Amino acid sequence: MVFGAGWAIGFIRPDFKLSPFLPLFAVVNLMFVCVAEEAFFRGAIQGQLARFGDTLAIAVSGLLFGAAHLGGGWQFAVLASLAGLGYSLLYSRTRRIEIPIAAHFLLNLAHFIAFTYPRAI
């Protein structure tokens, strides 16, 4: 859904590549982006808000995830919000932080390999 929306609004386009930087990107992205962001947005924020109800916790953590990506522009923030809502749903359903971490990593990896990165030029 995120890739379809990104392509539809012209933010990304298909661009398959196997960069020599792929191994480095994968390690750095997993450890310093996916683990850190999911620990904060799902583990800390969503985990604390869950006592007020899952719907509120999912919405707030997902939308805050998008807001944290506003530096990349409004389109990036909207797409990140969609992804964040998906990660929040996964966490809500499983209560296992490694599930949204894996989903986040796989989305970022697919983006790096199969689409213009970070956006269409």
C-alpha atoms as a PDB file:
ATOM      1  CA  MET A   1       0.000   0.000   0.000  1.00  0.00           C
ATOM      2  CA  VAL A   2       2.793   2.445   0.870  1.00  0.00           C
ATOM      3  CA  PHE A   3       4.659   1.790  -2.385  1.00  0.00           C
ATOM      4  CA  GLY A   4       1.445   2.075  -4.414  1.00  0.00           C
ATOM      5  CA  ALA A   5       0.588   5.386  -2.772  1.00  0.00           C
ATOM      6  CA  GLY A   6       4.134   6.684  -3.195  1.00  0.00           C
ATOM      7  CA  TRP A   7       4.154   5.754  -6.875  1.00  0.00           C
ATOM      8  CA  ALA A   8       0.667   7.195  -7.423  1.00  0.00           C
ATOM      9  CA  ILE A   9       1.661  10.610  -6.053  1.00  0.00           C
ATOM     10  CA  GLY A  10       4.951  10.620  -7.978  1.00  0.00           C
ATOM     11  CA  PHE A  11       7.137  10.411  -4.884  1.00  0.00           C
ATOM     12  CA  ILE A  12       8.882   7.224  -5.999  1.00  0.00           C
ATOM     13  CA  ARG A  13       9.138   5.202  -9.195  1.00  0.00           C
ATOM     14  CA  PRO A  14      10.437   1.714  -9.919  1.00  0.00           C
ATOM     15  CA  ASP A  15      14.237   1.595 -10.140  1.00  0.00           C
ATOM     16  CA  PHE A  16      15.649  -1.893  -9.516  1.00  0.00           C
ATOM     17  CA  LYS A  17      19.296  -1.937  -8.457  1.00  0.00           C
ATOM     18  CA  LEU A  18      21.728  -3.995  -6.427  1.00  0.00           C
ATOM     19  CA  SER A  19      23.986  -1.318  -5.035  1.00  0.00           C
ATOM     20  CA  PRO A  20      27.399  -2.205  -3.656  1.00  0.00           C
ATOM     21  CA  PHE A  21      26.237  -0.263  -0.581  1.00  0.00           C
ATOM     22  CA  LEU A  22      23.367  -2.709   0.057  1.00  0.00           C
ATOM     23  CA  PRO A  23      25.058  -4.696   2.876  1.00  0.00           C
ATOM     24  CA  LEU A  24      26.083  -1.523   4.707  1.00  0.00           C
ATOM     25  CA  PHE A  25      22.661   0.044   4.164  1.00  0.00           C
ATOM     26  CA  ALA A  26      20.944  -3.083   5.482  1.00  0.00           C
ATOM     27  CA  VAL A  27      22.944  -3.261   8.709  1.00  0.00           C
ATOM     28  CA  VAL A  28      22.815   0.464   9.464  1.00  0.00           C
ATOM     29  CA  ASN A  29      19.135   0.720   8.570  1.00  0.00           C
ATOM     30  CA  LEU A  30      18.149  -2.254  10.706  1.00  0.00           C
ATOM     31  CA  MET A  31      20.137  -1.310  13.778  1.00  0.00           C
ATOM     32  CA  PHE A  32      20.010   2.484  13.800  1.00  0.00           C
ATOM     33  CA  VAL A  33      16.703   3.206  12.071  1.00  0.00           C
ATOM     34  CA  CYS A  34      14.243   0.328  12.364  1.00  0.00           C
ATOM     35  CA  VAL A  35      15.144  -0.904  15.844  1.00  0.00           C
ATOM     36  CA  ALA A  36      15.468   2.614  17.255  1.00  0.00           C
ATOM     37  CA  GLU A  37      12.290   4.000  15.688  1.00  0.00           C
ATOM     38  CA  GLU A  38      10.151   0.976  16.506  1.00  0.00           C
ATOM     39  CA  ALA A  39      11.431   0.822  20.078  1.00  0.00           C
ATOM     40  CA  PHE A  40      10.427   4.457  20.509  1.00  0.00           C
ATOM     41  CA  PHE A  41       7.164   4.700  18.554  1.00  0.00           C
ATOM     42  CA  ARG A  42       5.791   1.220  19.283  1.00  0.00           C
ATOM     43  CA  GLY A  43       7.540   0.190  22.471  1.00  0.00           C
ATOM     44  CA  ALA A  44       7.481   3.489  24.330  1.00  0.00           C
ATOM     45  CA  ILE A  45       4.685   5.624  22.862  1.00  0.00           C
ATOM     46  CA  GLN A  46       2.211   2.962  21.785  1.00  0.00           C
ATOM     47  CA  GLY A  47       3.013   0.807  24.791  1.00  0.00           C
ATOM     48  CA  GLN A  48       2.192   3.659  27.176  1.00  0.00           C
ATOM     49  CA  LEU A  49      -0.917   4.802  25.305  1.00  0.00           C
ATOM     50  CA  ALA A  50      -2.365   1.273  25.119  1.00  0.00           C
ATOM     51  CA  ARG A  51      -3.829   1.742  28.605  1.00  0.00           C
ATOM     52  CA  PHE A  52      -6.184   4.322  27.057  1.00  0.00           C
ATOM     53  CA  GLY A  53      -7.248   1.916  24.322  1.00  0.00           C
ATOM     54  CA  ASP A  54      -5.647   0.299  21.322  1.00  0.00           C
ATOM     55  CA  THR A  55      -7.333   2.552  18.761  1.00  0.00           C
ATOM     56  CA  LEU A  56      -5.891   5.700  20.312  1.00  0.00           C
ATOM     57  CA  ALA A  57      -2.473   4.088  20.773  1.00  0.00           C
ATOM     58  CA  ILE A  58      -2.365   2.905  17.145  1.00  0.00           C
ATOM     59  CA  ALA A  59      -3.486   6.251  15.749  1.00  0.00           C
ATOM     60  CA  VAL A  60      -1.191   8.425  17.855  1.00  0.00           C
ATOM     61  CA  SER A  61       1.959   6.333  17.442  1.00  0.00           C
ATOM     62  CA  GLY A  62       1.353   5.926  13.703  1.00  0.00           C
ATOM     63  CA  LEU A  63       0.703   9.605  13.097  1.00  0.00           C
ATOM     64  CA  LEU A  64       3.609  10.716  15.287  1.00  0.00           C
ATOM     65  CA  PHE A  65       5.826   8.409  13.245  1.00  0.00           C
ATOM     66  CA  GLY A  66       4.672  10.300  10.147  1.00  0.00           C
ATOM     67  CA  ALA A  67       5.197  13.671  11.817  1.00  0.00           C
ATOM     68  CA  ALA A  68       8.760  12.674  12.704  1.00  0.00           C
ATOM     69  CA  HIS A  69       9.396  12.334   8.965  1.00  0.00           C
ATOM     70  CA  LEU A  70       8.162  15.838   8.044  1.00  0.00           C
ATOM     71  CA  GLY A  71      11.763  16.840   7.351  1.00  0.00           C
ATOM     72  CA  GLY A  72      11.450  14.871   4.118  1.00  0.00           C
ATOM     73  CA  GLY A  73       8.420  16.901   3.043  1.00  0.00           C
ATOM     74  CA  TRP A  74       4.668  16.450   3.353  1.00  0.00           C
ATOM     75  CA  GLN A  75       4.539  13.540   0.901  1.00  0.00           C
ATOM     76  CA  PHE A  76       7.156  11.627   2.865  1.00  0.00           C
ATOM     77  CA  ALA A  77       5.298  12.338   6.109  1.00  0.00           C
ATOM     78  CA  VAL A  78       2.003  11.053   4.658  1.00  0.00           C
ATOM     79  CA  LEU A  79       3.660   7.860   3.395  1.00  0.00           C
ATOM     80  CA  ALA A  80       5.463   7.399   6.710  1.00  0.00           C
ATOM     81  CA  SER A  81       2.133   7.840   8.509  1.00  0.00           C
ATOM     82  CA  LEU A  82       0.636   5.029   6.416  1.00  0.00           C
ATOM     83  CA  ALA A  83       3.608   2.815   7.190  1.00  0.00           C
ATOM     84  CA  GLY A  84       3.518   3.827  10.865  1.00  0.00           C
ATOM     85  CA  LEU A  85      -0.154   2.897  11.134  1.00  0.00           C
ATOM     86  CA  GLY A  86       0.683  -0.489   9.646  1.00  0.00           C
ATOM     87  CA  TYR A  87       3.543  -1.036  12.085  1.00  0.00           C
ATOM     88  CA  SER A  88       1.261   0.053  14.937  1.00  0.00           C
ATOM     89  CA  LEU A  89      -1.395  -2.463  13.907  1.00  0.00           C
ATOM     90  CA  LEU A  90       1.198  -5.227  13.781  1.00  0.00           C
ATOM     91  CA  TYR A  91       2.419  -4.346  17.249  1.00  0.00           C
ATOM     92  CA  SER A  92      -1.116  -4.108  18.614  1.00  0.00           C
ATOM     93  CA  ARG A  93      -2.025  -7.527  17.238  1.00  0.00           C
ATOM     94  CA  THR A  94       1.135  -9.354  18.314  1.00  0.00           C
ATOM     95  CA  ARG A  95       2.618  -7.357  21.225  1.00  0.00           C
ATOM     96  CA  ARG A  96       5.989  -8.424  19.850  1.00  0.00           C
ATOM     97  CA  ILE A  97       8.300  -5.533  18.931  1.00  0.00           C
ATOM     98  CA  GLU A  98      10.316  -7.659  16.515  1.00  0.00           C
ATOM     99  CA  ILE A  99       7.321  -7.939  14.152  1.00  0.00           C
ATOM    100  CA  PRO A 100       7.052  -4.194  13.336  1.00  0.00           C
ATOM    101  CA  ILE A 101      10.864  -3.994  13.299  1.00  0.00           C
ATOM    102  CA  ALA A 102      10.950  -6.719  10.636  1.00  0.00           C
ATOM    103  CA  ALA A 103       8.128  -5.105   8.631  1.00  0.00           C
ATOM    104  CA  HIS A 104       9.838  -1.697   8.803  1.00  0.00           C
ATOM    105  CA  PHE A 105      13.162  -3.183   7.733  1.00  0.00           C
ATOM    106  CA  LEU A 106      11.632  -5.134   4.844  1.00  0.00           C
ATOM    107  CA  LEU A 107       9.788  -2.052   3.575  1.00  0.00           C
ATOM    108  CA  ASN A 108      12.956   0.056   3.733  1.00  0.00           C
ATOM    109  CA  LEU A 109      14.991  -2.692   2.073  1.00  0.00           C
ATOM    110  CA  ALA A 110      12.454  -3.138  -0.737  1.00  0.00           C
ATOM    111  CA  HIS A 111      12.407   0.641  -1.194  1.00  0.00           C
ATOM    112  CA  PHE A 112      16.197   0.772  -1.449  1.00  0.00           C
ATOM    113  CA  ILE A 113      16.390  -2.120  -3.939  1.00  0.00           C
ATOM    114  CA  ALA A 114      13.311  -1.677  -6.109  1.00  0.00           C
ATOM    115  CA  PHE A 115      12.462   2.031  -6.138  1.00  0.00           C
ATOM    116  CA  THR A 116      14.125   5.406  -6.468  1.00  0.00           C
ATOM    117  CA  TYR A 117      15.727   6.140  -3.136  1.00  0.00           C
ATOM    118  CA  PRO A 118      14.934   8.220  -1.247  1.00  0.00           C
ATOM    119  CA  ARG A 119      12.457   9.694  -3.779  1.00  0.00           C
ATOM    120  CA  ALA A 120      11.848  10.207  -7.473  1.00  0.00           C
ATOM    121  CA  ILE A 121      14.236  12.702  -8.988  1.00  0.00           C
END
